[in-house]
mmCIF file of all heavy atoms, coordinates in Angstrom:
data_MODEL
# 
_entry.id   MODEL 
# 
loop_
_atom_site.group_PDB 
_atom_site.id 
_atom_site.type_symbol 
_atom_site.label_atom_id 
_atom_site.label_alt_id 
_atom_site.label_comp_id 
_atom_site.label_asym_id 
_atom_site.label_entity_id 
_atom_site.label_seq_id 
_atom_site.pdbx_PDB_ins_code 
_atom_site.Cartn_x 
_atom_site.Cartn_y 
_atom_site.Cartn_z 
_atom_site.occupancy 
_atom_site.B_iso_or_equiv 
_atom_site.pdbx_formal_charge 
_atom_site.auth_seq_id 
_atom_site.auth_comp_id 
_atom_site.auth_asym_id 
_atom_site.auth_atom_id 
_atom_site.pdbx_PDB_model_num 
ATOM 1   N N   . ASP A 1 1  ? -146.956 138.705 78.844 1.00 0.00 ? 1  ASP A N   1 
ATOM 2   C CA  . ASP A 1 1  ? -148.405 138.881 78.801 1.00 0.00 ? 1  ASP A CA  1 
ATOM 3   C C   . ASP A 1 1  ? -148.999 137.823 77.878 1.00 0.00 ? 1  ASP A C   1 
ATOM 4   O O   . ASP A 1 1  ? -148.277 137.109 77.177 1.00 0.00 ? 1  ASP A O   1 
ATOM 5   C CB  . ASP A 1 1  ? -148.804 140.309 78.388 1.00 0.00 ? 1  ASP A CB  1 
ATOM 6   C CG  . ASP A 1 1  ? -148.382 140.664 76.968 1.00 0.00 ? 1  ASP A CG  1 
ATOM 7   O OD1 . ASP A 1 1  ? -148.510 139.830 76.048 1.00 0.00 ? 1  ASP A OD1 1 
ATOM 8   O OD2 . ASP A 1 1  ? -147.928 141.811 76.767 1.00 0.00 ? 1  ASP A OD2 1 
ATOM 9   N N   . GLU A 1 2  ? -150.314 137.713 77.892 1.00 0.00 ? 2  GLU A N   1 
ATOM 10  C CA  . GLU A 1 2  ? -150.985 136.626 77.175 1.00 0.00 ? 2  GLU A CA  1 
ATOM 11  C C   . GLU A 1 2  ? -150.712 136.663 75.673 1.00 0.00 ? 2  GLU A C   1 
ATOM 12  O O   . GLU A 1 2  ? -150.469 135.626 75.055 1.00 0.00 ? 2  GLU A O   1 
ATOM 13  C CB  . GLU A 1 2  ? -152.492 136.669 77.447 1.00 0.00 ? 2  GLU A CB  1 
ATOM 14  C CG  . GLU A 1 2  ? -153.214 135.477 76.848 1.00 0.00 ? 2  GLU A CG  1 
ATOM 15  C CD  . GLU A 1 2  ? -154.691 135.443 77.213 1.00 0.00 ? 2  GLU A CD  1 
ATOM 16  O OE1 . GLU A 1 2  ? -155.137 136.238 78.057 1.00 0.00 ? 2  GLU A OE1 1 
ATOM 17  O OE2 . GLU A 1 2  ? -155.386 134.591 76.645 1.00 0.00 ? 2  GLU A OE2 1 
ATOM 18  N N   . GLU A 1 3  ? -150.734 137.849 75.075 1.00 0.00 ? 3  GLU A N   1 
ATOM 19  C CA  . GLU A 1 3  ? -150.500 137.956 73.635 1.00 0.00 ? 3  GLU A CA  1 
ATOM 20  C C   . GLU A 1 3  ? -149.094 137.493 73.266 1.00 0.00 ? 3  GLU A C   1 
ATOM 21  O O   . GLU A 1 3  ? -148.904 136.744 72.311 1.00 0.00 ? 3  GLU A O   1 
ATOM 22  C CB  . GLU A 1 3  ? -150.718 139.402 73.188 1.00 0.00 ? 3  GLU A CB  1 
ATOM 23  C CG  . GLU A 1 3  ? -150.684 139.574 71.687 1.00 0.00 ? 3  GLU A CG  1 
ATOM 24  C CD  . GLU A 1 3  ? -151.017 141.005 71.285 1.00 0.00 ? 3  GLU A CD  1 
ATOM 25  O OE1 . GLU A 1 3  ? -151.982 141.567 71.822 1.00 0.00 ? 3  GLU A OE1 1 
ATOM 26  O OE2 . GLU A 1 3  ? -150.286 141.536 70.422 1.00 0.00 ? 3  GLU A OE2 1 
ATOM 27  N N   . GLU A 1 4  ? -148.096 137.934 74.038 1.00 0.00 ? 4  GLU A N   1 
ATOM 28  C CA  . GLU A 1 4  ? -146.712 137.508 73.808 1.00 0.00 ? 4  GLU A CA  1 
ATOM 29  C C   . GLU A 1 4  ? -146.571 136.002 73.997 1.00 0.00 ? 4  GLU A C   1 
ATOM 30  O O   . GLU A 1 4  ? -145.885 135.330 73.230 1.00 0.00 ? 4  GLU A O   1 
ATOM 31  C CB  . GLU A 1 4  ? -145.749 138.215 74.766 1.00 0.00 ? 4  GLU A CB  1 
ATOM 32  C CG  . GLU A 1 4  ? -145.532 139.675 74.512 1.00 0.00 ? 4  GLU A CG  1 
ATOM 33  C CD  . GLU A 1 4  ? -144.633 140.314 75.566 1.00 0.00 ? 4  GLU A CD  1 
ATOM 34  O OE1 . GLU A 1 4  ? -144.496 139.755 76.680 1.00 0.00 ? 4  GLU A OE1 1 
ATOM 35  O OE2 . GLU A 1 4  ? -144.064 141.369 75.273 1.00 0.00 ? 4  GLU A OE2 1 
ATOM 36  N N   . ALA A 1 5  ? -147.224 135.470 75.036 1.00 0.00 ? 5  ALA A N   1 
ATOM 37  C CA  . ALA A 1 5  ? -147.138 134.033 75.324 1.00 0.00 ? 5  ALA A CA  1 
ATOM 38  C C   . ALA A 1 5  ? -147.720 133.219 74.182 1.00 0.00 ? 5  ALA A C   1 
ATOM 39  O O   . ALA A 1 5  ? -147.125 132.213 73.766 1.00 0.00 ? 5  ALA A O   1 
ATOM 40  C CB  . ALA A 1 5  ? -147.846 133.714 76.636 1.00 0.00 ? 5  ALA A CB  1 
ATOM 41  N N   . ILE A 1 6  ? -148.849 133.644 73.669 1.00 0.00 ? 6  ILE A N   1 
ATOM 42  C CA  . ILE A 1 6  ? -149.487 132.921 72.565 1.00 0.00 ? 6  ILE A CA  1 
ATOM 43  C C   . ILE A 1 6  ? -148.570 132.906 71.350 1.00 0.00 ? 6  ILE A C   1 
ATOM 44  O O   . ILE A 1 6  ? -148.379 131.861 70.708 1.00 0.00 ? 6  ILE A O   1 
ATOM 45  C CB  . ILE A 1 6  ? -150.861 133.546 72.225 1.00 0.00 ? 6  ILE A CB  1 
ATOM 46  C CG1 . ILE A 1 6  ? -151.844 133.249 73.360 1.00 0.00 ? 6  ILE A CG1 1 
ATOM 47  C CG2 . ILE A 1 6  ? -151.387 133.038 70.892 1.00 0.00 ? 6  ILE A CG2 1 
ATOM 48  C CD1 . ILE A 1 6  ? -153.149 134.026 73.275 1.00 0.00 ? 6  ILE A CD1 1 
ATOM 49  N N   . GLU A 1 7  ? -147.966 134.051 71.026 1.00 0.00 ? 7  GLU A N   1 
ATOM 50  C CA  . GLU A 1 7  ? -147.065 134.135 69.878 1.00 0.00 ? 7  GLU A CA  1 
ATOM 51  C C   . GLU A 1 7  ? -145.835 133.249 70.075 1.00 0.00 ? 7  GLU A C   1 
ATOM 52  O O   . GLU A 1 7  ? -145.451 132.481 69.182 1.00 0.00 ? 7  GLU A O   1 
ATOM 53  C CB  . GLU A 1 7  ? -146.631 135.583 69.653 1.00 0.00 ? 7  GLU A CB  1 
ATOM 54  C CG  . GLU A 1 7  ? -145.649 135.740 68.504 1.00 0.00 ? 7  GLU A CG  1 
ATOM 55  C CD  . GLU A 1 7  ? -145.113 137.153 68.342 1.00 0.00 ? 7  GLU A CD  1 
ATOM 56  O OE1 . GLU A 1 7  ? -145.405 138.024 69.187 1.00 0.00 ? 7  GLU A OE1 1 
ATOM 57  O OE2 . GLU A 1 7  ? -144.375 137.372 67.366 1.00 0.00 ? 7  GLU A OE2 1 
ATOM 58  N N   . MET A 1 8  ? -145.233 133.328 71.242 1.00 0.00 ? 8  MET A N   1 
ATOM 59  C CA  . MET A 1 8  ? -144.016 132.555 71.500 1.00 0.00 ? 8  MET A CA  1 
ATOM 60  C C   . MET A 1 8  ? -144.311 131.058 71.522 1.00 0.00 ? 8  MET A C   1 
ATOM 61  O O   . MET A 1 8  ? -143.572 130.263 70.928 1.00 0.00 ? 8  MET A O   1 
ATOM 62  C CB  . MET A 1 8  ? -143.368 132.999 72.809 1.00 0.00 ? 8  MET A CB  1 
ATOM 63  C CG  . MET A 1 8  ? -142.029 132.346 73.081 1.00 0.00 ? 8  MET A CG  1 
ATOM 64  S SD  . MET A 1 8  ? -141.245 133.099 74.521 1.00 0.00 ? 8  MET A SD  1 
ATOM 65  C CE  . MET A 1 8  ? -139.701 132.197 74.552 1.00 0.00 ? 8  MET A CE  1 
ATOM 66  N N   . GLU A 1 9  ? -145.378 130.665 72.192 1.00 0.00 ? 9  GLU A N   1 
ATOM 67  C CA  . GLU A 1 9  ? -145.726 129.248 72.264 1.00 0.00 ? 9  GLU A CA  1 
ATOM 68  C C   . GLU A 1 9  ? -146.055 128.681 70.889 1.00 0.00 ? 9  GLU A C   1 
ATOM 69  O O   . GLU A 1 9  ? -145.682 127.545 70.575 1.00 0.00 ? 9  GLU A O   1 
ATOM 70  C CB  . GLU A 1 9  ? -146.888 129.040 73.233 1.00 0.00 ? 9  GLU A CB  1 
ATOM 71  C CG  . GLU A 1 9  ? -146.477 129.265 74.678 1.00 0.00 ? 9  GLU A CG  1 
ATOM 72  C CD  . GLU A 1 9  ? -147.643 129.241 75.647 1.00 0.00 ? 9  GLU A CD  1 
ATOM 73  O OE1 . GLU A 1 9  ? -148.781 128.892 75.257 1.00 0.00 ? 9  GLU A OE1 1 
ATOM 74  O OE2 . GLU A 1 9  ? -147.429 129.591 76.831 1.00 0.00 ? 9  GLU A OE2 1 
ATOM 75  N N   . ALA A 1 10 ? -146.742 129.444 70.053 1.00 0.00 ? 10 ALA A N   1 
ATOM 76  C CA  . ALA A 1 10 ? -147.074 128.979 68.699 1.00 0.00 ? 10 ALA A CA  1 
ATOM 77  C C   . ALA A 1 10 ? -145.800 128.758 67.884 1.00 0.00 ? 10 ALA A C   1 
ATOM 78  O O   . ALA A 1 10 ? -145.675 127.761 67.158 1.00 0.00 ? 10 ALA A O   1 
ATOM 79  C CB  . ALA A 1 10 ? -147.997 129.973 68.009 1.00 0.00 ? 10 ALA A CB  1 
ATOM 80  N N   . LEU A 1 11 ? -144.861 129.689 68.010 1.00 0.00 ? 11 LEU A N   1 
ATOM 81  C CA  . LEU A 1 11 ? -143.600 129.547 67.284 1.00 0.00 ? 11 LEU A CA  1 
ATOM 82  C C   . LEU A 1 11 ? -142.812 128.349 67.804 1.00 0.00 ? 11 LEU A C   1 
ATOM 83  O O   . LEU A 1 11 ? -142.295 127.553 67.016 1.00 0.00 ? 11 LEU A O   1 
ATOM 84  C CB  . LEU A 1 11 ? -142.771 130.834 67.403 1.00 0.00 ? 11 LEU A CB  1 
ATOM 85  C CG  . LEU A 1 11 ? -141.425 130.844 66.681 1.00 0.00 ? 11 LEU A CG  1 
ATOM 86  C CD1 . LEU A 1 11 ? -141.566 130.476 65.206 1.00 0.00 ? 11 LEU A CD1 1 
ATOM 87  C CD2 . LEU A 1 11 ? -140.762 132.203 66.847 1.00 0.00 ? 11 LEU A CD2 1 
ATOM 88  N N   . GLU A 1 12 ? -142.740 128.189 69.115 1.00 0.00 ? 12 GLU A N   1 
ATOM 89  C CA  . GLU A 1 12 ? -142.047 127.031 69.690 1.00 0.00 ? 12 GLU A CA  1 
ATOM 90  C C   . GLU A 1 12 ? -142.671 125.733 69.179 1.00 0.00 ? 12 GLU A C   1 
ATOM 91  O O   . GLU A 1 12 ? -141.954 124.807 68.768 1.00 0.00 ? 12 GLU A O   1 
ATOM 92  C CB  . GLU A 1 12 ? -142.132 127.050 71.210 1.00 0.00 ? 12 GLU A CB  1 
ATOM 93  C CG  . GLU A 1 12 ? -141.296 128.103 71.873 1.00 0.00 ? 12 GLU A CG  1 
ATOM 94  C CD  . GLU A 1 12 ? -141.534 128.155 73.366 1.00 0.00 ? 12 GLU A CD  1 
ATOM 95  O OE1 . GLU A 1 12 ? -141.257 127.151 74.041 1.00 0.00 ? 12 GLU A OE1 1 
ATOM 96  O OE2 . GLU A 1 12 ? -141.993 129.192 73.855 1.00 0.00 ? 12 GLU A OE2 1 
ATOM 97  N N   . SER A 1 13 ? -143.985 125.655 69.218 1.00 0.00 ? 13 SER A N   1 
ATOM 98  C CA  . SER A 1 13 ? -144.687 124.451 68.777 1.00 0.00 ? 13 SER A CA  1 
ATOM 99  C C   . SER A 1 13 ? -144.400 124.146 67.316 1.00 0.00 ? 13 SER A C   1 
ATOM 100 O O   . SER A 1 13 ? -144.172 122.990 66.948 1.00 0.00 ? 13 SER A O   1 
ATOM 101 C CB  . SER A 1 13 ? -146.193 124.602 69.009 1.00 0.00 ? 13 SER A CB  1 
ATOM 102 O OG  . SER A 1 13 ? -146.461 124.740 70.389 1.00 0.00 ? 13 SER A OG  1 
ATOM 103 N N   . ALA A 1 14 ? -144.402 125.186 66.470 1.00 0.00 ? 14 ALA A N   1 
ATOM 104 C CA  . ALA A 1 14 ? -144.132 124.985 65.044 1.00 0.00 ? 14 ALA A CA  1 
ATOM 105 C C   . ALA A 1 14 ? -142.692 124.522 64.819 1.00 0.00 ? 14 ALA A C   1 
ATOM 106 O O   . ALA A 1 14 ? -142.447 123.616 64.013 1.00 0.00 ? 14 ALA A O   1 
ATOM 107 C CB  . ALA A 1 14 ? -144.397 126.284 64.277 1.00 0.00 ? 14 ALA A CB  1 
ATOM 108 N N   . LEU A 1 15 ? -141.739 125.138 65.516 1.00 0.00 ? 15 LEU A N   1 
ATOM 109 C CA  . LEU A 1 15 ? -140.336 124.743 65.360 1.00 0.00 ? 15 LEU A CA  1 
ATOM 110 C C   . LEU A 1 15 ? -140.121 123.307 65.830 1.00 0.00 ? 15 LEU A C   1 
ATOM 111 O O   . LEU A 1 15 ? -139.422 122.526 65.174 1.00 0.00 ? 15 LEU A O   1 
ATOM 112 C CB  . LEU A 1 15 ? -139.420 125.698 66.126 1.00 0.00 ? 15 LEU A CB  1 
ATOM 113 C CG  . LEU A 1 15 ? -139.364 127.132 65.589 1.00 0.00 ? 15 LEU A CG  1 
ATOM 114 C CD1 . LEU A 1 15 ? -138.581 128.029 66.539 1.00 0.00 ? 15 LEU A CD1 1 
ATOM 115 C CD2 . LEU A 1 15 ? -138.768 127.167 64.187 1.00 0.00 ? 15 LEU A CD2 1 
ATOM 116 N N   . LEU A 1 16 ? -140.725 122.958 66.959 1.00 0.00 ? 16 LEU A N   1 
ATOM 117 C CA  . LEU A 1 16 ? -140.594 121.585 67.456 1.00 0.00 ? 16 LEU A CA  1 
ATOM 118 C C   . LEU A 1 16 ? -141.261 120.593 66.515 1.00 0.00 ? 16 LEU A C   1 
ATOM 119 O O   . LEU A 1 16 ? -140.721 119.510 66.261 1.00 0.00 ? 16 LEU A O   1 
ATOM 120 C CB  . LEU A 1 16 ? -141.158 121.482 68.871 1.00 0.00 ? 16 LEU A CB  1 
ATOM 121 C CG  . LEU A 1 16 ? -140.322 122.218 69.926 1.00 0.00 ? 16 LEU A CG  1 
ATOM 122 C CD1 . LEU A 1 16 ? -141.097 122.359 71.225 1.00 0.00 ? 16 LEU A CD1 1 
ATOM 123 C CD2 . LEU A 1 16 ? -138.990 121.512 70.160 1.00 0.00 ? 16 LEU A CD2 1 
ATOM 124 N N   . ALA A 1 17 ? -142.415 120.960 65.958 1.00 0.00 ? 17 ALA A N   1 
ATOM 125 C CA  . ALA A 1 17 ? -143.098 120.075 64.999 1.00 0.00 ? 17 ALA A CA  1 
ATOM 126 C C   . ALA A 1 17 ? -142.207 119.828 63.786 1.00 0.00 ? 17 ALA A C   1 
ATOM 127 O O   . ALA A 1 17 ? -142.177 118.705 63.254 1.00 0.00 ? 17 ALA A O   1 
ATOM 128 C CB  . ALA A 1 17 ? -144.433 120.678 64.584 1.00 0.00 ? 17 ALA A CB  1 
ATOM 129 N N   . SER A 1 18 ? -141.451 120.848 63.353 1.00 0.00 ? 18 SER A N   1 
ATOM 130 C CA  . SER A 1 18 ? -140.555 120.676 62.209 1.00 0.00 ? 18 SER A CA  1 
ATOM 131 C C   . SER A 1 18 ? -139.449 119.673 62.510 1.00 0.00 ? 18 SER A C   1 
ATOM 132 O O   . SER A 1 18 ? -138.830 119.134 61.592 1.00 0.00 ? 18 SER A O   1 
ATOM 133 C CB  . SER A 1 18 ? -139.951 122.025 61.789 1.00 0.00 ? 18 SER A CB  1 
ATOM 134 O OG  . SER A 1 18 ? -138.924 122.433 62.683 1.00 0.00 ? 18 SER A OG  1 
ATOM 135 N N   . LEU A 1 19 ? -139.225 119.415 63.798 1.00 0.00 ? 19 LEU A N   1 
ATOM 136 C CA  . LEU A 1 19 ? -138.222 118.433 64.231 1.00 0.00 ? 19 LEU A CA  1 
ATOM 137 C C   . LEU A 1 19 ? -138.852 117.097 64.626 1.00 0.00 ? 19 LEU A C   1 
ATOM 138 O O   . LEU A 1 19 ? -138.176 116.218 65.130 1.00 0.00 ? 19 LEU A O   1 
ATOM 139 C CB  . LEU A 1 19 ? -137.437 119.001 65.426 1.00 0.00 ? 19 LEU A CB  1 
ATOM 140 C CG  . LEU A 1 19 ? -136.667 120.294 65.173 1.00 0.00 ? 19 LEU A CG  1 
ATOM 141 C CD1 . LEU A 1 19 ? -136.128 120.859 66.480 1.00 0.00 ? 19 LEU A CD1 1 
ATOM 142 C CD2 . LEU A 1 19 ? -135.540 120.062 64.174 1.00 0.00 ? 19 LEU A CD2 1 
ATOM 143 N N   . GLY A 1 20 ? -140.178 116.994 64.449 1.00 0.00 ? 20 GLY A N   1 
ATOM 144 C CA  . GLY A 1 20 ? -140.881 115.759 64.799 1.00 0.00 ? 20 GLY A CA  1 
ATOM 145 C C   . GLY A 1 20 ? -141.157 115.619 66.284 1.00 0.00 ? 20 GLY A C   1 
ATOM 146 O O   . GLY A 1 20 ? -141.347 114.506 66.781 1.00 0.00 ? 20 GLY A O   1 
ATOM 147 N N   . ILE A 1 21 ? -141.203 116.739 66.999 1.00 0.00 ? 21 ILE A N   1 
ATOM 148 C CA  . ILE A 1 21 ? -141.436 116.719 68.443 1.00 0.00 ? 21 ILE A CA  1 
ATOM 149 C C   . ILE A 1 21 ? -142.829 117.252 68.728 1.00 0.00 ? 21 ILE A C   1 
ATOM 150 O O   . ILE A 1 21 ? -143.233 118.290 68.196 1.00 0.00 ? 21 ILE A O   1 
ATOM 151 C CB  . ILE A 1 21 ? -140.366 117.564 69.179 1.00 0.00 ? 21 ILE A CB  1 
ATOM 152 C CG1 . ILE A 1 21 ? -138.980 116.945 68.927 1.00 0.00 ? 21 ILE A CG1 1 
ATOM 153 C CG2 . ILE A 1 21 ? -140.665 117.649 70.673 1.00 0.00 ? 21 ILE A CG2 1 
ATOM 154 C CD1 . ILE A 1 21 ? -137.824 117.784 69.425 1.00 0.00 ? 21 ILE A CD1 1 
ATOM 155 N N   . ALA A 1 22 ? -143.556 116.542 69.581 1.00 0.00 ? 22 ALA A N   1 
ATOM 156 C CA  . ALA A 1 22 ? -144.937 116.899 69.903 1.00 0.00 ? 22 ALA A CA  1 
ATOM 157 C C   . ALA A 1 22 ? -145.027 118.281 70.544 1.00 0.00 ? 22 ALA A C   1 
ATOM 158 O O   . ALA A 1 22 ? -144.096 118.745 71.202 1.00 0.00 ? 22 ALA A O   1 
ATOM 159 C CB  . ALA A 1 22 ? -145.536 115.857 70.852 1.00 0.00 ? 22 ALA A CB  1 
ATOM 160 N N   . ASP A 1 23 ? -146.170 118.899 70.370 1.00 0.00 ? 23 ASP A N   1 
ATOM 161 C CA  . ASP A 1 23 ? -146.451 120.218 70.927 1.00 0.00 ? 23 ASP A CA  1 
ATOM 162 C C   . ASP A 1 23 ? -146.368 120.154 72.449 1.00 0.00 ? 23 ASP A C   1 
ATOM 163 O O   . ASP A 1 23 ? -147.152 119.465 73.095 1.00 0.00 ? 23 ASP A O   1 
ATOM 164 C CB  . ASP A 1 23 ? -147.847 120.662 70.493 1.00 0.00 ? 23 ASP A CB  1 
ATOM 165 C CG  . ASP A 1 23 ? -148.226 122.050 70.972 1.00 0.00 ? 23 ASP A CG  1 
ATOM 166 O OD1 . ASP A 1 23 ? -147.469 122.668 71.746 1.00 0.00 ? 23 ASP A OD1 1 
ATOM 167 O OD2 . ASP A 1 23 ? -149.305 122.516 70.570 1.00 0.00 ? 23 ASP A OD2 1 
ATOM 168 N N   . PRO A 1 24 ? -145.420 120.885 73.052 1.00 0.00 ? 24 PRO A N   1 
ATOM 169 C CA  . PRO A 1 24 ? -145.277 120.830 74.506 1.00 0.00 ? 24 PRO A CA  1 
ATOM 170 C C   . PRO A 1 24 ? -146.428 121.509 75.245 1.00 0.00 ? 24 PRO A C   1 
ATOM 171 O O   . PRO A 1 24 ? -146.596 121.303 76.444 1.00 0.00 ? 24 PRO A O   1 
ATOM 172 C CB  . PRO A 1 24 ? -143.964 121.568 74.775 1.00 0.00 ? 24 PRO A CB  1 
ATOM 173 C CG  . PRO A 1 24 ? -143.828 122.500 73.624 1.00 0.00 ? 24 PRO A CG  1 
ATOM 174 C CD  . PRO A 1 24 ? -144.447 121.789 72.444 1.00 0.00 ? 24 PRO A CD  1 
ATOM 175 N N   . TYR A 1 25 ? -147.220 122.297 74.531 1.00 0.00 ? 25 TYR A N   1 
ATOM 176 C CA  . TYR A 1 25 ? -148.336 123.013 75.153 1.00 0.00 ? 25 TYR A CA  1 
ATOM 177 C C   . TYR A 1 25 ? -149.675 122.368 74.841 1.00 0.00 ? 25 TYR A C   1 
ATOM 178 O O   . TYR A 1 25 ? -150.692 122.765 75.383 1.00 0.00 ? 25 TYR A O   1 
ATOM 179 C CB  . TYR A 1 25 ? -148.361 124.471 74.676 1.00 0.00 ? 25 TYR A CB  1 
ATOM 180 C CG  . TYR A 1 25 ? -147.088 125.198 75.000 1.00 0.00 ? 25 TYR A CG  1 
ATOM 181 C CD1 . TYR A 1 25 ? -146.165 125.511 74.003 1.00 0.00 ? 25 TYR A CD1 1 
ATOM 182 C CD2 . TYR A 1 25 ? -146.792 125.563 76.308 1.00 0.00 ? 25 TYR A CD2 1 
ATOM 183 C CE1 . TYR A 1 25 ? -144.993 126.182 74.307 1.00 0.00 ? 25 TYR A CE1 1 
ATOM 184 C CE2 . TYR A 1 25 ? -145.612 126.219 76.617 1.00 0.00 ? 25 TYR A CE2 1 
ATOM 185 C CZ  . TYR A 1 25 ? -144.724 126.533 75.618 1.00 0.00 ? 25 TYR A CZ  1 
ATOM 186 O OH  . TYR A 1 25 ? -143.553 127.182 75.917 1.00 0.00 ? 25 TYR A OH  1 
ATOM 187 N N   . GLY A 1 26 ? -149.666 121.386 73.940 1.00 0.00 ? 26 GLY A N   1 
ATOM 188 C CA  . GLY A 1 26 ? -150.911 120.776 73.496 1.00 0.00 ? 26 GLY A CA  1 
ATOM 189 C C   . GLY A 1 26 ? -151.440 119.726 74.449 1.00 0.00 ? 26 GLY A C   1 
ATOM 190 O O   . GLY A 1 26 ? -150.731 119.205 75.304 1.00 0.00 ? 26 GLY A O   1 
# 
């Protein structure tokens, strides 16, 4: 659902940013 997706995508984006990888959803 949308709430779960927002939470998961935000976490993925933050973890990838910590590795120097651009936001895949941005």
